Protein backbone atom coordinates (compact mmCIF):
# COMPACT_ATOMS: atom_id res chain seq x y z
CA UNK A 1 -53.62 14.86 0.69
CA UNK A 2 -50.66 15.88 2.85
CA UNK A 3 -47.91 13.35 3.41
CA UNK A 4 -44.98 13.56 5.78
CA UNK A 5 -42.01 11.20 5.57
CA UNK A 6 -41.38 10.03 9.11
CA UNK A 7 -38.27 8.24 7.85
CA UNK A 8 -36.76 11.61 6.89
CA UNK A 9 -37.41 13.33 10.20
CA UNK A 10 -34.39 14.50 12.18
CA UNK A 11 -32.79 11.96 14.48
CA UNK A 12 -33.54 12.52 18.19
CA UNK A 13 -29.80 12.03 18.79
CA UNK A 14 -27.46 14.96 18.26
CA UNK A 15 -23.72 15.35 17.72
CA UNK A 16 -23.10 11.69 16.98
CA UNK A 17 -19.47 12.43 16.22
CA UNK A 18 -18.96 13.43 19.87
CA UNK A 19 -20.32 10.18 21.24
CA UNK A 20 -18.02 7.45 22.49
CA UNK A 21 -18.10 4.18 20.56
CA UNK A 22 -19.97 2.63 23.48
CA UNK A 23 -22.59 5.40 23.34
CA UNK A 24 -23.03 4.99 19.58
CA UNK A 25 -23.52 1.24 19.87
CA UNK A 26 -25.80 1.51 22.90
CA UNK A 27 -28.05 4.07 21.20
CA UNK A 28 -28.26 2.15 17.92
CA UNK A 29 -29.22 -0.95 19.89
CA UNK A 30 -31.77 1.06 21.88
CA UNK A 31 -33.43 2.13 18.63
CA UNK A 32 -33.27 -1.37 17.15
CA UNK A 33 -35.21 -2.74 20.13
CA UNK A 34 -38.24 -0.70 19.05
CA UNK A 35 -38.46 -2.37 15.63
CA UNK A 36 -40.13 -5.70 16.60
CA UNK A 37 -42.88 -3.81 18.44
CA UNK A 38 -43.54 -1.72 15.34
CA UNK A 39 -43.72 -4.89 13.26
CA UNK A 40 -46.13 -6.47 15.77
CA UNK A 41 -48.59 -3.62 15.22
CA UNK A 42 -48.62 -4.44 11.51
CA UNK A 43 -49.40 -8.16 11.92
CA UNK A 44 -53.09 -7.76 10.93
CA UNK A 45 -51.95 -6.20 7.65
CA UNK A 46 -49.28 -8.87 7.13
CA UNK A 47 -51.86 -11.61 7.76
CA UNK A 48 -54.13 -10.33 4.98
CA UNK A 49 -51.15 -10.14 2.62
CA UNK A 50 -50.05 -13.72 3.38
CA UNK A 51 -53.57 -15.06 2.90
CA UNK A 52 -53.92 -13.40 -0.50
CA UNK A 53 -50.43 -14.34 -1.69
CA UNK A 54 -50.82 -17.95 -0.53
CA UNK A 55 -54.08 -18.29 -2.43
CA UNK A 56 -52.40 -17.06 -5.60
CA UNK A 57 -49.42 -19.39 -5.21
CA UNK A 58 -51.57 -22.40 -4.36
CA UNK A 59 -53.34 -21.70 -7.67
CA UNK A 60 -50.08 -21.79 -9.60
CA UNK A 61 -48.96 -18.18 -9.30
CA UNK A 62 -45.60 -16.72 -8.32
CA UNK A 63 -44.48 -14.17 -5.75
CA UNK A 64 -42.59 -11.07 -6.89
CA UNK A 65 -40.66 -8.48 -4.89
CA UNK A 66 -39.99 -5.06 -6.41
CA UNK A 67 -37.60 -2.61 -4.77
CA UNK A 68 -34.69 -0.21 -5.07
CA UNK A 69 -31.53 0.20 -3.01
CA UNK A 70 -31.64 -1.46 0.41
CA UNK A 71 -35.27 -2.48 -0.07
CA UNK A 72 -34.50 -4.15 -3.38
CA UNK A 73 -31.49 -5.98 -1.95
CA UNK A 74 -33.56 -7.30 0.96
CA UNK A 75 -36.10 -8.63 -1.52
CA UNK A 76 -33.34 -10.39 -3.45
CA UNK A 77 -31.98 -11.97 -0.26
CA UNK A 78 -35.39 -13.31 0.71
CA UNK A 79 -36.22 -14.63 -2.76
CA UNK A 80 -32.83 -16.29 -3.21
CA UNK A 81 -33.14 -18.17 0.07
CA UNK A 82 -36.50 -19.80 -0.65
CA UNK A 83 -35.27 -22.57 -3.01
CA UNK A 84 -32.44 -23.90 -0.80
CA UNK A 85 -34.48 -23.57 2.39
CA UNK A 86 -37.77 -24.99 1.19
CA UNK A 87 -36.91 -26.89 -1.97
CA UNK A 88 -39.17 -24.79 -4.17
CA UNK A 89 -38.07 -24.21 -7.79
CA UNK A 90 -36.09 -21.11 -8.70
CA UNK A 91 -38.53 -18.68 -10.25
CA UNK A 92 -41.35 -19.29 -7.77
CA UNK A 93 -40.22 -16.30 -5.71
CA UNK A 94 -38.64 -13.60 -7.88
CA UNK A 95 -37.06 -10.28 -6.92
CA UNK A 96 -36.39 -7.37 -9.27
CA UNK A 97 -34.29 -4.36 -8.30
CA UNK A 98 -33.95 -0.93 -9.87
CA UNK A 99 -30.73 -0.88 -11.85
CA UNK A 100 -30.62 -4.65 -12.41
CA UNK A 101 -28.02 -7.08 -11.12
CA UNK A 102 -25.35 -4.40 -10.87
CA UNK A 103 -27.44 -2.66 -8.21
CA UNK A 104 -27.16 -5.66 -5.89
CA UNK A 105 -23.64 -4.63 -4.94
CA UNK A 106 -23.23 -1.14 -6.41
CA UNK A 107 -25.50 1.88 -6.19
CA UNK A 108 -26.89 2.76 -9.64
CA UNK A 109 -27.58 6.49 -9.85
CA UNK A 110 -31.17 7.54 -10.58
CA UNK A 111 -32.25 3.93 -11.29
CA UNK A 112 -35.15 4.21 -8.86
CA UNK A 113 -36.48 7.41 -10.43
CA UNK A 114 -38.07 5.80 -13.50
CA UNK A 115 -41.78 5.10 -13.20
CA UNK A 116 -41.67 2.73 -16.18
CA UNK A 117 -38.66 0.52 -15.49
CA UNK A 118 -40.25 -1.46 -12.66
CA UNK A 119 -43.01 -2.73 -14.90
CA UNK A 120 -40.53 -3.43 -17.72
CA UNK A 121 -38.47 -5.56 -15.32
CA UNK A 122 -41.56 -7.51 -14.30
CA UNK A 123 -42.45 -8.06 -17.95
CA UNK A 124 -39.05 -9.69 -18.49
CA UNK A 125 -40.33 -12.40 -16.14
CA UNK A 126 -43.59 -12.86 -18.04
CA UNK A 127 -45.70 -11.64 -15.16
CA UNK A 128 -49.44 -12.29 -15.38
CA UNK A 129 -52.62 -12.07 -13.33
CA UNK A 130 -51.92 -15.38 -11.58
CA UNK A 131 -48.97 -13.75 -9.78
CA UNK A 132 -48.71 -11.58 -6.66
CA UNK A 133 -46.41 -8.54 -6.43
CA UNK A 134 -45.01 -6.89 -3.30
CA UNK A 135 -43.42 -3.45 -3.63
CA UNK A 136 -40.84 -2.59 -0.96
CA UNK A 137 -39.89 1.02 -0.24
CA UNK A 138 -39.14 2.60 3.12
CA UNK A 139 -40.09 6.06 1.85
CA UNK A 140 -43.24 4.92 0.09
CA UNK A 141 -42.43 7.34 -2.72
CA UNK A 142 -39.99 5.42 -4.95
CA UNK A 143 -41.15 5.91 -8.58
CA UNK A 144 -39.71 2.55 -9.73
CA UNK A 145 -41.87 0.69 -7.20
CA UNK A 146 -44.99 2.85 -7.46
CA UNK A 147 -44.99 2.62 -11.25
CA UNK A 148 -44.68 -1.16 -11.13
CA UNK A 149 -47.64 -1.51 -8.77
CA UNK A 150 -49.76 0.93 -10.78
CA UNK A 151 -49.12 -1.09 -13.94
CA UNK A 152 -50.02 -4.30 -12.10
CA UNK A 153 -53.26 -2.86 -10.81
CA UNK A 154 -54.25 -1.80 -14.33
CA UNK A 155 -53.84 -5.43 -15.39
CA UNK A 156 -55.68 -7.02 -12.45
CA UNK A 157 -52.50 -8.32 -10.82
CA UNK A 158 -52.83 -8.30 -7.03
CA UNK A 159 -50.29 -6.16 -5.21
CA UNK A 160 -49.01 -5.40 -1.72
CA UNK A 161 -46.37 -3.14 -0.28
CA UNK A 162 -44.03 -2.84 2.69
CA UNK A 163 -43.27 0.73 3.70
CA UNK A 164 -42.24 2.71 6.77
CA UNK A 165 -44.29 5.83 6.08
CA UNK A 166 -48.02 5.44 6.77
CA UNK A 167 -50.29 7.05 4.20
CA UNK A 168 -47.59 7.12 1.54
CA UNK A 169 -48.31 7.21 -2.21
CA UNK A 170 -47.19 3.57 -2.39
CA UNK A 171 -49.84 2.41 0.07
CA UNK A 172 -52.52 4.04 -2.10
CA UNK A 173 -51.66 1.87 -5.10
CA UNK A 174 -51.31 -1.42 -3.17
CA UNK A 175 -54.18 -3.83 -2.54
CA UNK A 176 -52.55 -5.06 0.68
CA UNK A 177 -50.40 -2.34 2.26
CA UNK A 178 -48.14 -3.13 5.21
CA UNK A 179 -47.04 -0.02 7.09
CA UNK A 180 -44.37 -0.37 9.77
CA UNK A 181 -43.75 2.93 11.54
CA UNK A 182 -40.29 2.73 13.10
CA UNK A 183 -39.80 6.49 13.48
CA UNK A 184 -36.75 8.61 12.62
CA UNK A 185 -33.45 6.83 12.10
CA UNK A 186 -30.41 7.10 14.40
CA UNK A 187 -28.57 8.74 11.49
CA UNK A 188 -31.15 11.03 9.92
CA UNK A 189 -32.63 9.48 6.79
CA UNK A 190 -30.47 6.32 6.89
CA UNK A 191 -33.28 3.87 6.17
CA UNK A 192 -30.90 0.92 5.86
CA UNK A 193 -31.07 0.91 9.67
CA UNK A 194 -34.42 0.53 11.49
CA UNK A 195 -36.49 0.67 8.31
CA UNK A 196 -34.36 -1.98 6.63
CA UNK A 197 -34.42 -4.14 9.75
CA UNK A 198 -38.21 -3.98 9.85
CA UNK A 199 -38.45 -4.91 6.17
CA UNK A 200 -36.20 -7.92 6.72
CA UNK A 201 -38.38 -9.07 9.62
CA UNK A 202 -41.58 -8.66 7.61
CA UNK A 203 -40.13 -10.48 4.59
CA UNK A 204 -39.07 -13.35 6.88
CA UNK A 205 -42.62 -13.55 8.18
CA UNK A 206 -44.21 -13.41 4.74
CA UNK A 207 -42.07 -16.00 2.98
CA UNK A 208 -41.97 -18.38 5.96
CA UNK A 209 -45.73 -18.24 6.47
CA UNK A 210 -46.36 -18.74 2.76
CA UNK A 211 -44.01 -21.72 2.55
CA UNK A 212 -45.78 -23.31 5.51
CA UNK A 213 -49.11 -22.75 3.72
CA UNK A 214 -47.62 -24.41 0.62
CA UNK A 215 -46.75 -27.51 2.64
CA UNK A 216 -43.00 -27.01 2.56
CA UNK A 217 -42.65 -27.51 6.33
CA UNK A 218 -43.66 -30.50 8.43
CA UNK A 219 -43.88 -30.10 12.20
CA UNK A 220 -41.10 -27.53 12.62
CA UNK A 221 -38.69 -28.99 10.06
CA UNK A 222 -37.50 -27.90 6.59
CA UNK A 223 -38.25 -31.30 5.08
CA UNK A 224 -37.77 -30.11 1.49
CA UNK A 225 -34.48 -28.20 1.87
CA UNK A 226 -31.84 -28.63 -0.82
CA UNK A 227 -28.86 -30.74 0.18
CA UNK A 228 -26.35 -28.19 -1.05
CA UNK A 229 -23.63 -28.59 1.58
CA UNK A 230 -22.45 -30.96 4.30
CA UNK A 231 -24.14 -28.97 7.06
CA UNK A 232 -27.52 -29.43 5.40
CA UNK A 233 -26.87 -33.09 4.66
CA UNK A 234 -26.03 -33.64 8.33
CA UNK A 235 -29.13 -31.75 9.43
CA UNK A 236 -31.29 -33.71 7.01
CA UNK A 237 -29.80 -37.02 8.11
CA UNK A 238 -30.65 -36.29 11.73
CA UNK A 239 -34.18 -35.32 10.72
CA UNK A 240 -34.60 -38.64 8.89
CA UNK A 241 -33.28 -40.47 11.98
CA UNK A 242 -35.78 -38.65 14.16
CA UNK A 243 -38.74 -39.16 11.86
CA UNK A 244 -38.03 -42.86 11.25
CA UNK A 245 -36.67 -43.53 14.74
CA UNK A 246 -33.48 -44.88 13.24
CA UNK A 247 -30.32 -45.18 15.29
CA UNK A 248 -28.18 -45.79 12.21
CA UNK A 249 -26.74 -42.46 10.99
CA UNK A 250 -25.22 -43.93 7.82
CA UNK A 251 -28.48 -45.68 6.87
CA UNK A 252 -30.41 -42.46 7.33
CA UNK A 253 -27.84 -40.54 5.29
CA UNK A 254 -28.00 -43.14 2.53
CA UNK A 255 -31.79 -42.78 2.33
CA UNK A 256 -31.55 -39.00 2.32
CA UNK A 257 -29.01 -38.83 -0.48
CA UNK A 258 -30.84 -41.47 -2.52
CA UNK A 259 -34.19 -39.68 -2.45
CA UNK A 260 -32.95 -36.08 -2.28
CA UNK A 261 -35.07 -34.72 0.55
CA UNK A 262 -36.18 -35.57 4.06
CA UNK A 263 -39.79 -35.84 2.98
CA UNK A 264 -39.09 -38.26 0.11
CA UNK A 265 -36.71 -40.33 2.23
CA UNK A 266 -39.33 -40.75 4.96
CA UNK A 267 -42.10 -41.53 2.48
CA UNK A 268 -39.95 -44.17 0.78
CA UNK A 269 -39.38 -45.96 4.06
CA UNK A 270 -43.04 -46.20 4.98
């Protein structure tokens, strides 16, 4: 089966070094504007993924992201933000990256080329068939990610993927593929640009929708967020005031800090 990497096609823009700074910025922005439309076309695929992942997590499973390079780092960002934003325990959403923690800030040569390491990294987290695994790779050909999903499938662990090359090898080993075709990059092959932007948007959609399904949001508020800084305490205090129709800021803040979350503070006052 023939497969062409759209993400590696030559940029439609030539002689970037001769552009003015204004032209460079304008053209990058012009390309970035196309990304949300590409993501919109993939919403039916994203919906199926969210439904399946939510079912697993409501049954006690966890969500895993597997990636390398930019894709892996985006997975780590999304996973790390779930506990403070939604008050879920660390370890409910887990991200593994080719090359380990060092690869978060420093490129690790050839880390993504091992077909076995992805599964080994998942095993370190005691993965099992209650969990749900999403492989992230713009190219759709990263051995680290493909190998991890193949190993999961062999063990009846449900999988999904986010890629920017339709019909890629990665999509063929995922139960719920999400394909976002953003086209060639402004700088040829630089998938940290439009491809990375699309992955960030899709990850936002996935984790937010799942957390809503898990009951971590009420109305449009993060009622379970961790009170880890003064900004969040202030936000939470105002949410308690709104929910309880209190005019006393200090009373609302006292309730919030006593019970540790907006939801618990409101429930205690009922």
